Amino acid sequence: MQSTLAKKYLSWVLLITLSIIWGSSFILMKQGLKAFDSEEVAALRIAIAFIVLFPFIFFHLKINFRKYLLGLLLMGILGSFIPAFLFTKSETKISSSLAGMLNALTPIFTILIGRIWLKQKISFSKSTAIFVGFVASGCLMAFDQDNALSKNMIYGVLVIIATFFYGISLNSIKKYLNDLNSVASTAWAFTIMGPFAIAYLFSFTDFTIHLKTNPGAGLSLFYISILAIVGTAISLALYNYLIQISDTIFASSCTYLIPVVAMAWGMLDGENVSSAQIVSVIVIIISVYFINKSENLAD
């Protein structure tokens, strides 16, 4: 009983901690983009996380790759690599607060993909909540005051695609990596992806030129390093552990707080957040709450 209670409290502590960390990641990406291109910020994020995590694989060399390789690939590619590029590209045209608010779709995709993947039926109430959540995400882009609707739609969709990939990754972690140590799975996923990020960074971008010539490069690199080390390497290890001790739906519910943190940072940085967007985020959060509540009742 104590063990179950301890896990419950630990789950909530991890959930709140991750919400704050990931809610802050959007403003860190924005700061990184002041000196580097979007592709450089994304590649740096993956490369630095890889460098930090690589030593840990020596403590987890003897894993069953035949059993875990698919899960590691899905986690690395769809849970980190591609979304890193999609988010930074989106923030070249939309605000960090809007990107953070759209990230609220992650648990909706997690549930939807999980049901399709596991071939389970979605009730009418869940379907309605999912539909309402998507409508609200459209309102987020439509009522943004910083950009034209066309830009919001095009670059906002990049964030939506990223959240879709997150949904696949979360379900794959639960399905394929649930009994693998969270540090081991995170370290190996980045060991697989990291070399590609480094090769891309130094072969296909102007990173070294920007680092030498842009006077703000040092500060931007500092923000990207925080994003990579805390917002990627450490947080993913914690997140994988959270999934293991709880479930994908509870873990993805950190999205309740992520848009709030992202909005707060955005407003502090001078970004406009309309009242309609605040209402839209609340609608998405309520939708996720009812999906989560009905899921728990079903359990």
C-alpha atoms as a PDB file:
ATOM      1  CA  MET A   1       0.000   0.000   0.000  1.00  0.00           C
ATOM      2  CA  GLN A   2       2.836   2.373   0.951  1.00  0.00           C
ATOM      3  CA  SER A   3       4.671   1.560  -2.247  1.00  0.00           C
ATOM      4  CA  THR A   4       1.595   2.354  -4.341  1.00  0.00           C
ATOM      5  CA  LEU A   5       1.020   5.603  -2.446  1.00  0.00           C
ATOM      6  CA  ALA A   6       4.680   6.585  -2.811  1.00  0.00           C
ATOM      7  CA  LYS A   7       4.524   5.965  -6.554  1.00  0.00           C
ATOM      8  CA  LYS A   8       1.400   8.105  -6.782  1.00  0.00           C
ATOM      9  CA  TYR A   9       3.043  11.060  -5.021  1.00  0.00           C
ATOM     10  CA  LEU A  10       6.251  10.611  -7.016  1.00  0.00           C
ATOM     11  CA  SER A  11       4.219  10.571 -10.220  1.00  0.00           C
ATOM     12  CA  TRP A  12       2.670  13.928  -9.365  1.00  0.00           C
ATOM     13  CA  VAL A  13       6.034  15.451  -8.418  1.00  0.00           C
ATOM     14  CA  LEU A  14       7.522  14.309 -11.725  1.00  0.00           C
ATOM     15  CA  LEU A  15       4.470  15.515 -13.643  1.00  0.00           C
ATOM     16  CA  ILE A  16       4.666  19.049 -12.222  1.00  0.00           C
ATOM     17  CA  THR A  17       8.454  19.204 -12.617  1.00  0.00           C
ATOM     18  CA  LEU A  18       8.278  18.117 -16.253  1.00  0.00           C
ATOM     19  CA  SER A  19       5.457  20.548 -16.956  1.00  0.00           C
ATOM     20  CA  ILE A  20       7.611  23.457 -15.776  1.00  0.00           C
ATOM     21  CA  ILE A  21      10.688  22.233 -17.656  1.00  0.00           C
ATOM     22  CA  TRP A  22       8.895  21.619 -20.944  1.00  0.00           C
ATOM     23  CA  GLY A  23       6.749  24.716 -20.617  1.00  0.00           C
ATOM     24  CA  SER A  24      10.004  26.688 -20.507  1.00  0.00           C
ATOM     25  CA  SER A  25      11.501  24.931 -23.541  1.00  0.00           C
ATOM     26  CA  PHE A  26       9.612  27.095 -26.051  1.00  0.00           C
ATOM     27  CA  ILE A  27      11.142  30.338 -24.823  1.00  0.00           C
ATOM     28  CA  LEU A  28      14.573  28.658 -24.772  1.00  0.00           C
ATOM     29  CA  MET A  29      14.126  27.695 -28.433  1.00  0.00           C
ATOM     30  CA  LYS A  30      13.188  31.287 -29.188  1.00  0.00           C
ATOM     31  CA  GLN A  31      16.358  32.532 -27.498  1.00  0.00           C
ATOM     32  CA  GLY A  32      18.442  30.040 -29.452  1.00  0.00           C
ATOM     33  CA  LEU A  33      16.934  31.228 -32.717  1.00  0.00           C
ATOM     34  CA  LYS A  34      18.302  34.727 -32.132  1.00  0.00           C
ATOM     35  CA  ALA A  35      21.748  33.577 -33.297  1.00  0.00           C
ATOM     36  CA  PHE A  36      21.200  30.285 -35.105  1.00  0.00           C
ATOM     37  CA  ASP A  37      18.941  28.898 -37.820  1.00  0.00           C
ATOM     38  CA  SER A  38      16.077  26.598 -36.836  1.00  0.00           C
ATOM     39  CA  GLU A  39      17.902  23.524 -38.192  1.00  0.00           C
ATOM     40  CA  GLU A  40      20.996  24.448 -36.182  1.00  0.00           C
ATOM     41  CA  VAL A  41      19.042  24.858 -32.947  1.00  0.00           C
ATOM     42  CA  ALA A  42      17.335  21.491 -33.457  1.00  0.00           C
ATOM     43  CA  ALA A  43      20.540  19.669 -34.372  1.00  0.00           C
ATOM     44  CA  LEU A  44      22.396  21.281 -31.461  1.00  0.00           C
ATOM     45  CA  ARG A  45      19.639  20.231 -29.081  1.00  0.00           C
ATOM     46  CA  ILE A  46      19.921  16.587 -30.136  1.00  0.00           C
ATOM     47  CA  ALA A  47      23.734  16.639 -30.350  1.00  0.00           C
ATOM     48  CA  ILE A  48      24.270  18.150 -26.892  1.00  0.00           C
ATOM     49  CA  ALA A  49      21.728  15.774 -25.331  1.00  0.00           C
ATOM     50  CA  PHE A  50      23.557  12.875 -27.010  1.00  0.00           C
ATOM     51  CA  ILE A  51      26.928  14.010 -25.620  1.00  0.00           C
ATOM     52  CA  VAL A  52      25.471  14.281 -22.100  1.00  0.00           C
ATOM     53  CA  LEU A  53      23.722  10.907 -22.250  1.00  0.00           C
ATOM     54  CA  PHE A  54      26.374   8.882 -24.089  1.00  0.00           C
ATOM     55  CA  PRO A  55      28.450   7.932 -20.985  1.00  0.00           C
ATOM     56  CA  PHE A  56      25.382   6.262 -19.464  1.00  0.00           C
ATOM     57  CA  ILE A  57      25.258   3.580 -22.156  1.00  0.00           C
ATOM     58  CA  PHE A  58      28.364   1.998 -20.619  1.00  0.00           C
ATOM     59  CA  PHE A  59      26.219   1.141 -17.603  1.00  0.00           C
ATOM     60  CA  HIS A  60      23.592  -0.407 -19.895  1.00  0.00           C
ATOM     61  CA  LEU A  61      25.563  -2.202 -22.592  1.00  0.00           C
ATOM     62  CA  LYS A  62      23.865  -5.544 -22.147  1.00  0.00           C
ATOM     63  CA  ILE A  63      20.352  -4.896 -23.353  1.00  0.00           C
ATOM     64  CA  ASN A  64      18.296  -7.040 -25.692  1.00  0.00           C
ATOM     65  CA  PHE A  65      18.454  -5.032 -28.918  1.00  0.00           C
ATOM     66  CA  ARG A  66      16.259  -7.512 -30.780  1.00  0.00           C
ATOM     67  CA  LYS A  67      13.559  -6.778 -28.240  1.00  0.00           C
ATOM     68  CA  TYR A  68      14.034  -3.023 -27.782  1.00  0.00           C
ATOM     69  CA  LEU A  69      15.398  -1.691 -31.103  1.00  0.00           C
ATOM     70  CA  LEU A  70      12.021  -0.780 -32.622  1.00  0.00           C
ATOM     71  CA  GLY A  71      10.963   1.066 -29.479  1.00  0.00           C
ATOM     72  CA  LEU A  72      14.288   2.909 -29.289  1.00  0.00           C
ATOM     73  CA  LEU A  73      14.018   3.965 -32.931  1.00  0.00           C
ATOM     74  CA  LEU A  74      10.457   5.224 -32.520  1.00  0.00           C
ATOM     75  CA  MET A  75      11.378   7.040 -29.332  1.00  0.00           C
ATOM     76  CA  GLY A  76      14.473   8.609 -30.874  1.00  0.00           C
ATOM     77  CA  ILE A  77      13.066   9.546 -34.275  1.00  0.00           C
ATOM     78  CA  LEU A  78       9.445  10.411 -33.477  1.00  0.00           C
ATOM     79  CA  GLY A  79       9.851  11.398 -29.837  1.00  0.00           C
ATOM     80  CA  SER A  80      12.876  13.672 -30.201  1.00  0.00           C
ATOM     81  CA  PHE A  81      14.633  14.037 -33.557  1.00  0.00           C
ATOM     82  CA  ILE A  82      11.848  15.083 -35.953  1.00  0.00           C
ATOM     83  CA  PRO A  83       9.827  17.109 -33.377  1.00  0.00           C
ATOM     84  CA  ALA A  84      12.965  19.108 -32.491  1.00  0.00           C
ATOM     85  CA  PHE A  85      13.188  20.305 -36.100  1.00  0.00           C
ATOM     86  CA  LEU A  86       9.445  20.878 -36.420  1.00  0.00           C
ATOM     87  CA  PHE A  87       9.200  22.999 -33.274  1.00  0.00           C
ATOM     88  CA  THR A  88      12.180  25.213 -34.070  1.00  0.00           C
ATOM     89  CA  LYS A  89      10.977  25.713 -37.639  1.00  0.00           C
ATOM     90  CA  SER A  90       7.521  26.672 -36.394  1.00  0.00           C
ATOM     91  CA  GLU A  91       8.950  29.251 -33.990  1.00  0.00           C
ATOM     92  CA  THR A  92      10.612  31.123 -36.847  1.00  0.00           C
ATOM     93  CA  LYS A  93       7.105  32.380 -37.744  1.00  0.00           C
ATOM     94  CA  ILE A  94       4.845  31.876 -34.728  1.00  0.00           C
ATOM     95  CA  SER A  95       5.277  32.907 -31.104  1.00  0.00           C
ATOM     96  CA  SER A  96       6.748  30.596 -28.465  1.00  0.00           C
ATOM     97  CA  SER A  97       3.527  30.913 -26.455  1.00  0.00           C
ATOM     98  CA  LEU A  98       1.410  29.724 -29.419  1.00  0.00           C
ATOM     99  CA  ALA A  99       3.740  26.762 -29.964  1.00  0.00           C
ATOM    100  CA  GLY A 100       3.440  25.892 -26.280  1.00  0.00           C
ATOM    101  CA  MET A 101      -0.341  26.170 -26.364  1.00  0.00           C
ATOM    102  CA  LEU A 102      -0.620  23.922 -29.435  1.00  0.00           C
ATOM    103  CA  ASN A 103       1.527  21.362 -27.636  1.00  0.00           C
ATOM    104  CA  ALA A 104      -1.581  20.758 -25.508  1.00  0.00           C
ATOM    105  CA  LEU A 105      -2.752  18.392 -28.260  1.00  0.00           C
ATOM    106  CA  THR A 106      -0.187  15.774 -27.199  1.00  0.00           C
ATOM    107  CA  PRO A 107      -2.439  13.802 -24.793  1.00  0.00           C
ATOM    108  CA  ILE A 108      -5.296  13.867 -27.313  1.00  0.00           C
ATOM    109  CA  PHE A 109      -3.075  12.275 -29.946  1.00  0.00           C
ATOM    110  CA  THR A 110      -1.704   9.878 -27.320  1.00  0.00           C
ATOM    111  CA  ILE A 111      -5.189   8.601 -26.565  1.00  0.00           C
ATOM    112  CA  LEU A 112      -6.330   8.551 -30.188  1.00  0.00           C
ATOM    113  CA  ILE A 113      -3.247   6.693 -31.447  1.00  0.00           C
ATOM    114  CA  GLY A 114      -3.324   4.330 -28.498  1.00  0.00           C
ATOM    115  CA  ARG A 115      -6.891   3.363 -29.286  1.00  0.00           C
ATOM    116  CA  ILE A 116      -6.191   2.858 -32.991  1.00  0.00           C
ATOM    117  CA  TRP A 117      -2.963   0.992 -32.287  1.00  0.00           C
ATOM    118  CA  LEU A 118      -4.571  -1.271 -29.689  1.00  0.00           C
ATOM    119  CA  LYS A 119      -7.696  -1.571 -31.854  1.00  0.00           C
ATOM    120  CA  GLN A 120      -9.978  -0.509 -29.026  1.00  0.00           C
ATOM    121  CA  LYS A 121     -13.175   1.441 -29.535  1.00  0.00           C
ATOM    122  CA  ILE A 122     -13.424   5.127 -28.667  1.00  0.00           C
ATOM    123  CA  SER A 123     -16.661   6.068 -26.934  1.00  0.00           C
ATOM    124  CA  PHE A 124     -18.885   8.872 -28.223  1.00  0.00           C
ATOM    125  CA  SER A 125     -17.942  11.104 -25.269  1.00  0.00           C
ATOM    126  CA  LYS A 126     -14.205  10.626 -25.947  1.00  0.00           C
ATOM    127  CA  SER A 127     -14.720  11.253 -29.659  1.00  0.00           C
ATOM    128  CA  THR A 128     -16.606  14.457 -28.867  1.00  0.00           C
ATOM    129  CA  ALA A 129     -13.871  15.651 -26.504  1.00  0.00           C
ATOM    130  CA  ILE A 130     -11.186  14.907 -29.109  1.00  0.00           C
ATOM    131  CA  PHE A 131     -13.139  16.823 -31.769  1.00  0.00           C
ATOM    132  CA  VAL A 132     -13.608  19.803 -29.441  1.00  0.00           C
ATOM    133  CA  GLY A 133      -9.891  19.779 -28.670  1.00  0.00           C
ATOM    134  CA  PHE A 134      -8.977  19.969 -32.349  1.00  0.00           C
ATOM    135  CA  VAL A 135     -11.471  22.775 -32.969  1.00  0.00           C
ATOM    136  CA  ALA A 136      -9.949  24.702 -30.066  1.00  0.00           C
ATOM    137  CA  SER A 137      -6.464  24.232 -31.533  1.00  0.00           C
ATOM    138  CA  GLY A 138      -7.708  25.824 -34.748  1.00  0.00           C
ATOM    139  CA  CYS A 139      -9.005  28.752 -32.707  1.00  0.00           C
ATOM    140  CA  LEU A 140      -5.584  29.142 -31.093  1.00  0.00           C
ATOM    141  CA  MET A 141      -4.056  29.793 -34.507  1.00  0.00           C
ATOM    142  CA  ALA A 142      -6.953  31.875 -35.803  1.00  0.00           C
ATOM    143  CA  PHE A 143      -6.960  34.320 -32.884  1.00  0.00           C
ATOM    144  CA  ASP A 144      -3.203  34.835 -32.597  1.00  0.00           C
ATOM    145  CA  GLN A 145      -2.461  38.575 -32.690  1.00  0.00           C
ATOM    146  CA  ASP A 146       1.211  38.372 -33.681  1.00  0.00           C
ATOM    147  CA  ASN A 147       0.920  36.861 -37.164  1.00  0.00           C
ATOM    148  CA  ALA A 148      -1.366  36.465 -40.150  1.00  0.00           C
ATOM    149  CA  LEU A 149      -3.725  33.504 -40.119  1.00  0.00           C
ATOM    150  CA  SER A 150      -1.942  31.945 -43.103  1.00  0.00           C
ATOM    151  CA  LYS A 151       1.384  31.865 -41.244  1.00  0.00           C
ATOM    152  CA  ASN A 152      -0.261  30.518 -38.106  1.00  0.00           C
ATOM    153  CA  MET A 153      -1.941  27.714 -40.032  1.00  0.00           C
ATOM    154  CA  ILE A 154       1.140  26.666 -41.988  1.00  0.00           C
ATOM    155  CA  TYR A 155       3.630  26.819 -39.124  1.00  0.00           C
ATOM    156  CA  GLY A 156       1.118  25.850 -36.457  1.00  0.00           C
ATOM    157  CA  VAL A 157       0.505  22.613 -38.352  1.00  0.00           C
ATOM    158  CA  LEU A 158       4.200  21.787 -37.863  1.00  0.00           C
ATOM    159  CA  VAL A 159       3.584  21.802 -34.107  1.00  0.00           C
ATOM    160  CA  ILE A 160       0.473  19.662 -34.543  1.00  0.00           C
ATOM    161  CA  ILE A 161       2.483  17.123 -36.569  1.00  0.00           C
ATOM    162  CA  ALA A 162       5.099  17.100 -33.799  1.00  0.00           C
ATOM    163  CA  THR A 163       2.443  16.366 -31.171  1.00  0.00           C
ATOM    164  CA  PHE A 164       1.148  13.546 -33.387  1.00  0.00           C
ATOM    165  CA  PHE A 165       4.655  12.045 -33.423  1.00  0.00           C
ATOM    166  CA  TYR A 166       4.836  12.483 -29.646  1.00  0.00           C
ATOM    167  CA  GLY A 167       1.631  10.446 -29.380  1.00  0.00           C
ATOM    168  CA  ILE A 168       3.176   7.594 -31.365  1.00  0.00           C
ATOM    169  CA  SER A 169       6.373   7.768 -29.314  1.00  0.00           C
ATOM    170  CA  LEU A 170       4.547   7.682 -25.980  1.00  0.00           C
ATOM    171  CA  ASN A 171       2.580   4.619 -26.955  1.00  0.00           C
ATOM    172  CA  SER A 172       5.701   2.908 -28.300  1.00  0.00           C
ATOM    173  CA  ILE A 173       7.550   3.536 -25.024  1.00  0.00           C
ATOM    174  CA  LYS A 174       4.731   1.920 -23.078  1.00  0.00           C
ATOM    175  CA  LYS A 175       4.441  -0.949 -25.565  1.00  0.00           C
ATOM    176  CA  TYR A 176       8.084  -1.753 -26.328  1.00  0.00           C
ATOM    177  CA  LEU A 177      10.228  -0.190 -23.580  1.00  0.00           C
ATOM    178  CA  ASN A 178       8.108  -0.482 -20.463  1.00  0.00           C
ATOM    179  CA  ASP A 179      10.481  -2.950 -18.771  1.00  0.00           C
ATOM    180  CA  LEU A 180      13.686  -1.179 -19.864  1.00  0.00           C
ATOM    181  CA  ASN A 181      15.423   1.200 -17.462  1.00  0.00           C
ATOM    182  CA  SER A 182      14.396   4.766 -18.296  1.00  0.00           C
ATOM    183  CA  VAL A 183      17.978   6.067 -18.355  1.00  0.00           C
ATOM    184  CA  ALA A 184      19.033   3.175 -20.587  1.00  0.00           C
ATOM    185  CA  SER A 185      16.222   3.763 -23.078  1.00  0.00           C
ATOM    186  CA  THR A 186      16.887   7.518 -23.221  1.00  0.00           C
ATOM    187  CA  ALA A 187      20.653   7.117 -23.553  1.00  0.00           C
ATOM    188  CA  TRP A 188      20.396   4.493 -26.288  1.00  0.00           C
ATOM    189  CA  ALA A 189      17.741   6.414 -28.224  1.00  0.00           C
ATOM    190  CA  PHE A 190      20.040   9.448 -28.371  1.00  0.00           C
ATOM    191  CA  THR A 191      23.089   7.318 -29.085  1.00  0.00           C
ATOM    192  CA  ILE A 192      21.295   6.125 -32.198  1.00  0.00           C
ATOM    193  CA  MET A 193      20.154   9.627 -33.256  1.00  0.00           C
ATOM    194  CA  GLY A 194      23.011  11.769 -31.924  1.00  0.00           C
ATOM    195  CA  PRO A 195      25.656  11.030 -34.571  1.00  0.00           C
ATOM    196  CA  PHE A 196      23.196  11.926 -37.339  1.00  0.00           C
ATOM    197  CA  ALA A 197      22.490  15.272 -35.651  1.00  0.00           C
ATOM    198  CA  ILE A 198      26.209  16.038 -35.322  1.00  0.00           C
ATOM    199  CA  ALA A 199      26.892  15.054 -38.936  1.00  0.00           C
ATOM    200  CA  TYR A 200      24.007  17.238 -40.138  1.00  0.00           C
ATOM    201  CA  LEU A 201      25.086  20.166 -37.939  1.00  0.00           C
ATOM    202  CA  PHE A 202      28.657  20.324 -39.258  1.00  0.00           C
ATOM    203  CA  SER A 203      28.033  19.180 -42.831  1.00  0.00           C
ATOM    204  CA  PHE A 204      24.791  20.855 -43.893  1.00  0.00           C
ATOM    205  CA  THR A 205      24.442  24.026 -41.775  1.00  0.00           C
ATOM    206  CA  ASP A 206      26.388  27.246 -41.196  1.00  0.00           C
ATOM    207  CA  PHE A 207      26.661  26.619 -37.470  1.00  0.00           C
ATOM    208  CA  THR A 208      30.415  27.288 -37.210  1.00  0.00           C
ATOM    209  CA  ILE A 209      30.086  30.525 -39.208  1.00  0.00           C
ATOM    210  CA  HIS A 210      27.226  31.777 -37.017  1.00  0.00           C
ATOM    211  CA  LEU A 211      29.128  30.771 -33.880  1.00  0.00           C
ATOM    212  CA  LYS A 212      32.157  32.832 -34.942  1.00  0.00           C
ATOM    213  CA  THR A 213      30.421  35.860 -36.454  1.00  0.00           C
ATOM    214  CA  ASN A 214      27.232  36.416 -34.439  1.00  0.00           C
ATOM    215  CA  PRO A 215      27.946  38.414 -31.242  1.00  0.00           C
ATOM    216  CA  GLY A 216      24.976  36.809 -29.488  1.00  0.00           C
ATOM    217  CA  ALA A 217      25.973  33.237 -30.374  1.00  0.00           C
ATOM    218  CA  GLY A 218      27.475  32.475 -26.965  1.00  0.00           C
ATOM    219  CA  LEU A 219      24.310  33.394 -25.084  1.00  0.00           C
ATOM    220  CA  SER A 220      22.092  31.557 -27.576  1.00  0.00           C
ATOM    221  CA  LEU A 221      24.293  28.477 -27.267  1.00  0.00           C
ATOM    222  CA  PHE A 222      23.933  28.702 -23.480  1.00  0.00           C
ATOM    223  CA  TYR A 223      20.118  28.679 -23.778  1.00  0.00           C
ATOM    224  CA  ILE A 224      20.233  25.790 -26.241  1.00  0.00           C
ATOM    225  CA  SER A 225      22.481  23.862 -23.843  1.00  0.00           C
ATOM    226  CA  ILE A 226      19.924  24.295 -21.049  1.00  0.00           C
ATOM    227  CA  LEU A 227      17.242  23.152 -23.480  1.00  0.00           C
ATOM    228  CA  ALA A 228      19.277  20.093 -24.447  1.00  0.00           C
ATOM    229  CA  ILE A 229      20.554  19.046 -21.026  1.00  0.00           C
ATOM    230  CA  VAL A 230      17.557  19.835 -18.816  1.00  0.00           C
ATOM    231  CA  GLY A 231      14.701  20.049 -21.320  1.00  0.00           C
ATOM    232  CA  THR A 232      15.726  16.999 -23.341  1.00  0.00           C
ATOM    233  CA  ALA A 233      18.257  14.617 -21.775  1.00  0.00           C
ATOM    234  CA  ILE A 234      17.251  14.776 -18.111  1.00  0.00           C
ATOM    235  CA  SER A 235      13.547  15.375 -18.690  1.00  0.00           C
ATOM    236  CA  LEU A 236      13.155  12.454 -21.118  1.00  0.00           C
ATOM    237  CA  ALA A 237      14.747  10.066 -18.640  1.00  0.00           C
ATOM    238  CA  LEU A 238      12.335  11.336 -15.981  1.00  0.00           C
ATOM    239  CA  TYR A 239       9.426  11.117 -18.439  1.00  0.00           C
ATOM    240  CA  ASN A 240      10.174   7.537 -19.411  1.00  0.00           C
ATOM    241  CA  TYR A 241      10.290   6.652 -15.731  1.00  0.00           C
ATOM    242  CA  LEU A 242       6.984   8.441 -15.174  1.00  0.00           C
ATOM    243  CA  ILE A 243       5.389   6.377 -17.962  1.00  0.00           C
ATOM    244  CA  GLN A 244       6.714   3.201 -16.346  1.00  0.00           C
ATOM    245  CA  ILE A 245       5.305   3.947 -12.879  1.00  0.00           C
ATOM    246  CA  SER A 246       2.002   5.404 -14.136  1.00  0.00           C
ATOM    247  CA  ASP A 247       0.603   5.243 -17.696  1.00  0.00           C
ATOM    248  CA  THR A 248       0.829   7.118 -20.975  1.00  0.00           C
ATOM    249  CA  ILE A 249      -2.371   9.101 -20.395  1.00  0.00           C
ATOM    250  CA  PHE A 250      -1.322  10.355 -16.950  1.00  0.00           C
ATOM    251  CA  ALA A 251       2.198  11.107 -18.218  1.00  0.00           C
ATOM    252  CA  SER A 252       0.952  13.042 -21.234  1.00  0.00           C
ATOM    253  CA  SER A 253      -1.292  15.077 -18.924  1.00  0.00           C
ATOM    254  CA  CYS A 254       1.678  17.305 -18.062  1.00  0.00           C
ATOM    255  CA  THR A 255       0.219  19.183 -21.032  1.00  0.00           C
ATOM    256  CA  TYR A 256      -2.249  20.679 -18.535  1.00  0.00           C
ATOM    257  CA  LEU A 257       0.488  22.993 -17.249  1.00  0.00           C
ATOM    258  CA  ILE A 258       2.861  23.251 -20.243  1.00  0.00           C
ATOM    259  CA  PRO A 259       0.769  25.846 -22.152  1.00  0.00           C
ATOM    260  CA  VAL A 260       0.308  27.901 -18.976  1.00  0.00           C
ATOM    261  CA  VAL A 261       4.069  28.017 -18.386  1.00  0.00           C
ATOM    262  CA  ALA A 262       4.703  28.715 -22.091  1.00  0.00           C
ATOM    263  CA  MET A 263       2.172  31.569 -22.081  1.00  0.00           C
ATOM    264  CA  ALA A 264       3.707  33.074 -18.943  1.00  0.00           C
ATOM    265  CA  TRP A 265       7.206  33.067 -20.456  1.00  0.00           C
ATOM    266  CA  GLY A 266       5.881  34.433 -23.756  1.00  0.00           C
ATOM    267  CA  MET A 267       4.055  37.304 -22.068  1.00  0.00           C
ATOM    268  CA  LEU A 268       7.143  38.133 -20.000  1.00  0.00           C
ATOM    269  CA  ASP A 269       9.054  38.298 -23.292  1.00  0.00           C
ATOM    270  CA  GLY A 270       6.511  40.718 -24.771  1.00  0.00           C
ATOM    271  CA  GLU A 271       4.412  38.281 -26.824  1.00  0.00           C
ATOM    272  CA  ASN A 272       0.711  38.945 -27.297  1.00  0.00           C
ATOM    273  CA  VAL A 273      -1.731  36.351 -25.978  1.00  0.00           C
ATOM    274  CA  SER A 274      -5.355  37.095 -26.817  1.00  0.00           C
ATOM    275  CA  SER A 275      -8.268  36.344 -24.496  1.00  0.00           C
ATOM    276  CA  ALA A 276      -9.685  34.044 -27.203  1.00  0.00           C
ATOM    277  CA  GLN A 277      -6.475  31.996 -27.093  1.00  0.00           C
ATOM    278  CA  ILE A 278      -6.665  31.693 -23.323  1.00  0.00           C
ATOM    279  CA  VAL A 279     -10.240  30.422 -23.675  1.00  0.00           C
ATOM    280  CA  SER A 280      -9.115  27.984 -26.388  1.00  0.00           C
ATOM    281  CA  VAL A 281      -6.364  26.569 -24.166  1.00  0.00           C
ATOM    282  CA  ILE A 282      -8.842  26.149 -21.318  1.00  0.00           C
ATOM    283  CA  VAL A 283     -11.184  24.278 -23.691  1.00  0.00           C
ATOM    284  CA  ILE A 284      -8.351  21.943 -24.767  1.00  0.00           C
ATOM    285  CA  ILE A 285      -7.372  21.296 -21.147  1.00  0.00           C
ATOM    286  CA  ILE A 286     -11.007  20.582 -20.200  1.00  0.00           C
ATOM    287  CA  SER A 287     -11.277  18.211 -23.188  1.00  0.00           C
ATOM    288  CA  VAL A 288      -8.168  16.343 -22.065  1.00  0.00           C
ATOM    289  CA  TYR A 289      -9.495  16.245 -18.507  1.00  0.00           C
ATOM    290  CA  PHE A 290     -12.762  14.603 -19.557  1.00  0.00           C
ATOM    291  CA  ILE A 291     -10.940  12.120 -21.793  1.00  0.00           C
ATOM    292  CA  ASN A 292      -8.600  11.307 -18.932  1.00  0.00           C
ATOM    293  CA  LYS A 293     -11.453  11.071 -16.436  1.00  0.00           C
ATOM    294  CA  SER A 294     -13.482   8.711 -18.601  1.00  0.00           C
ATOM    295  CA  GLU A 295     -10.356   6.659 -19.233  1.00  0.00           C
ATOM    296  CA  ASN A 296      -9.765   6.269 -15.514  1.00  0.00           C
ATOM    297  CA  LEU A 297     -13.372   5.262 -14.973  1.00  0.00           C
ATOM    298  CA  ALA A 298     -12.995   2.647 -17.699  1.00  0.00           C
ATOM    299  CA  ASP A 299      -9.933   1.258 -15.911  1.00  0.00           C
END
